[in-house]
Amino acid sequence: MRNWQETFENLTEDQKEKLSVLRVMECTNGIIQYAFRDNAEHALSAEDTRRAMKFSMGCIKRMEIPLGEEVITFDDELKEVFGEIRDLYVSGAKNGNDEDFQEFMRISIIMYNVLGKERILNAQKLLSQHIVEIAPDKLEWGVDYIMQFIK
């Protein structure tokens, strides 16, 4: 069994920064998707929701995040770590496995706390400066979600 605290703490600064960008984007997309499905008052249009989802899911599947002329890429170690976490999310959130969802949340909370507020806010700033698929003010939704778990 993997020691997740140690796994995240042992990542390089570069890996932690990249993971922060990925999680801000991913969490923002999740909130956008839930708002649309729930027909929430603050939900984006179908077109804007689709654009955010297409961008986010494409980045997750390719493990690359295009930021203007720069592209964030992930090394094999980080791909493996994120893949394990993503598998728990899919099993838990998409396939209804409550144990896997609880484990996904436990690991995510550990990750958010290791990454810390500063890296998360820097990731938000970087994304807001370089992507058009998710409006800068909507990135705040993902950041707010993450911040509720950081001690």
Protein backbone atom coordinates (compact mmCIF):
# COMPACT_ATOMS: atom_id res chain seq x y z
CA MET A 1 0.00 0.00 0.00
CA ARG A 2 1.35 3.38 -1.03
CA ASN A 3 2.14 5.99 1.63
CA TRP A 4 0.43 8.94 -0.07
CA GLN A 5 1.77 11.60 2.29
CA GLU A 6 5.30 10.46 1.54
CA THR A 7 4.56 10.10 -2.18
CA PHE A 8 3.43 13.72 -2.48
CA GLU A 9 6.11 15.11 -0.16
CA ASN A 10 8.82 13.39 -2.22
CA LEU A 11 7.72 14.96 -5.50
CA THR A 12 10.04 17.60 -6.90
CA GLU A 13 8.98 21.23 -6.77
CA ASP A 14 8.38 21.10 -10.54
CA GLN A 15 6.15 18.03 -10.18
CA LYS A 16 4.18 19.69 -7.36
CA GLU A 17 3.62 22.79 -9.47
CA LYS A 18 2.44 20.73 -12.43
CA LEU A 19 0.14 18.65 -10.25
CA SER A 20 -1.32 21.86 -8.80
CA VAL A 21 -2.18 23.13 -12.28
CA LEU A 22 -3.76 19.81 -13.21
CA ARG A 23 -5.88 19.64 -10.06
CA VAL A 24 -7.09 23.26 -10.30
CA MET A 25 -8.16 22.63 -13.89
CA GLU A 26 -9.70 19.27 -13.07
CA CYS A 27 -11.65 20.50 -10.02
CA THR A 28 -12.89 23.56 -11.89
CA ASN A 29 -14.12 21.36 -14.71
CA GLY A 30 -15.87 19.08 -12.22
CA ILE A 31 -17.75 21.98 -10.67
CA ILE A 32 -18.69 23.30 -14.12
CA GLN A 33 -20.02 19.84 -15.10
CA TYR A 34 -22.03 19.37 -11.88
CA ALA A 35 -23.51 22.86 -12.15
CA PHE A 36 -24.65 22.17 -15.70
CA ARG A 37 -26.10 18.72 -14.89
CA ASP A 38 -27.87 20.12 -11.82
CA ASN A 39 -29.21 23.05 -13.86
CA ALA A 40 -27.76 25.37 -11.21
CA GLU A 41 -28.40 29.08 -11.43
CA HIS A 42 -24.68 29.75 -11.96
CA ALA A 43 -24.24 27.03 -14.61
CA LEU A 44 -22.46 27.91 -17.81
CA SER A 45 -24.06 27.55 -21.21
CA ALA A 46 -23.95 24.13 -22.86
CA GLU A 47 -21.30 25.42 -25.26
CA ASP A 48 -19.04 26.81 -22.50
CA THR A 49 -19.53 23.67 -20.40
CA ARG A 50 -18.58 21.46 -23.36
CA ARG A 51 -15.51 23.59 -24.15
CA ALA A 52 -14.27 23.37 -20.53
CA MET A 53 -14.89 19.63 -20.42
CA LYS A 54 -13.23 18.95 -23.78
CA PHE A 55 -10.14 20.94 -22.77
CA SER A 56 -9.87 19.44 -19.29
CA MET A 57 -10.52 15.84 -20.29
CA GLY A 58 -8.14 16.15 -23.24
CA CYS A 59 -5.40 17.37 -20.92
CA ILE A 60 -6.05 14.55 -18.46
CA LYS A 61 -6.04 11.87 -21.16
CA ARG A 62 -2.87 13.20 -22.83
CA MET A 63 -1.28 14.27 -19.53
CA GLU A 64 -0.35 17.55 -21.22
CA ILE A 65 -1.66 21.04 -20.53
CA PRO A 66 -1.13 23.58 -23.31
CA LEU A 67 -0.46 27.06 -21.93
CA GLY A 68 -0.01 29.25 -24.96
CA GLU A 69 3.36 28.39 -26.47
CA GLU A 70 4.38 26.33 -23.43
CA VAL A 71 3.03 22.86 -22.73
CA ILE A 72 3.09 21.31 -19.28
CA THR A 73 4.06 17.66 -19.56
CA PHE A 74 4.23 15.01 -16.88
CA ASP A 75 7.01 12.49 -16.32
CA ASP A 76 6.28 8.77 -16.00
CA GLU A 77 6.34 8.87 -12.19
CA LEU A 78 3.69 11.58 -12.00
CA LYS A 79 1.61 9.89 -14.71
CA GLU A 80 1.62 6.71 -12.63
CA VAL A 81 0.66 8.52 -9.42
CA PHE A 82 -2.10 10.47 -11.12
CA GLY A 83 -3.31 7.32 -12.91
CA GLU A 84 -3.79 5.53 -9.60
CA ILE A 85 -5.76 8.45 -8.21
CA ARG A 86 -7.80 8.80 -11.40
CA ASP A 87 -8.68 5.07 -11.34
CA LEU A 88 -10.08 5.50 -7.81
CA TYR A 89 -12.09 8.53 -8.95
CA VAL A 90 -13.58 6.69 -11.93
CA SER A 91 -14.42 3.64 -9.82
CA GLY A 92 -15.83 5.74 -7.01
CA ALA A 93 -17.56 8.68 -8.68
CA LYS A 94 -18.49 7.19 -12.03
CA ASN A 95 -19.10 3.54 -11.08
CA GLY A 96 -20.54 4.04 -7.59
CA ASN A 97 -17.86 2.26 -5.54
CA ASP A 98 -18.16 4.12 -2.21
CA GLU A 99 -14.92 2.69 -0.77
CA ASP A 100 -12.91 3.84 -3.78
CA PHE A 101 -14.53 7.27 -3.67
CA GLN A 102 -13.66 7.64 0.01
CA GLU A 103 -10.07 6.60 -0.75
CA PHE A 104 -9.94 9.08 -3.65
CA MET A 105 -11.10 11.88 -1.33
CA ARG A 106 -8.64 10.86 1.41
CA ILE A 107 -5.74 10.90 -1.06
CA SER A 108 -6.90 14.18 -2.61
CA ILE A 109 -7.00 15.90 0.77
CA ILE A 110 -3.48 14.71 1.54
CA MET A 111 -2.37 15.98 -1.87
CA TYR A 112 -4.01 19.39 -1.48
CA ASN A 113 -2.33 19.88 1.88
CA VAL A 114 1.11 18.91 0.58
CA LEU A 115 0.66 21.16 -2.46
CA GLY A 116 -0.52 24.01 -0.22
CA LYS A 117 -2.36 27.26 -0.80
CA GLU A 118 0.48 29.09 -2.51
CA ARG A 119 0.98 26.51 -5.25
CA ILE A 120 -2.78 26.23 -5.82
CA LEU A 121 -3.10 30.03 -6.16
CA ASN A 122 -0.08 30.13 -8.49
CA ALA A 123 -1.68 27.39 -10.62
CA GLN A 124 -4.88 29.41 -10.85
CA LYS A 125 -2.94 32.48 -11.94
CA LEU A 126 -0.98 30.53 -14.55
CA LEU A 127 -4.13 28.97 -16.01
CA SER A 128 -6.00 32.28 -16.05
CA GLN A 129 -3.17 33.88 -18.02
CA HIS A 130 -2.87 31.18 -20.65
CA ILE A 131 -6.10 29.31 -21.33
CA VAL A 132 -9.33 30.52 -22.91
CA GLU A 133 -11.33 27.31 -22.56
CA ILE A 134 -12.19 28.08 -18.93
CA ALA A 135 -12.89 31.70 -18.00
CA PRO A 136 -10.49 33.08 -15.36
CA ASP A 137 -13.29 33.85 -12.90
CA LYS A 138 -14.54 30.26 -13.14
CA LEU A 139 -11.14 28.93 -12.05
CA GLU A 140 -12.03 30.42 -8.68
CA TRP A 141 -14.66 27.67 -8.33
CA GLY A 142 -12.02 24.96 -8.46
CA VAL A 143 -9.69 26.84 -6.15
CA ASP A 144 -12.48 27.42 -3.60
CA TYR A 145 -13.29 23.72 -3.70
CA ILE A 146 -9.66 22.76 -3.05
CA MET A 147 -9.13 25.39 -0.34
CA GLN A 148 -11.89 23.96 1.83
CA PHE A 149 -9.65 20.92 2.40
CA ILE A 150 -6.38 22.72 3.13
CA LYS A 151 -5.59 23.16 6.82
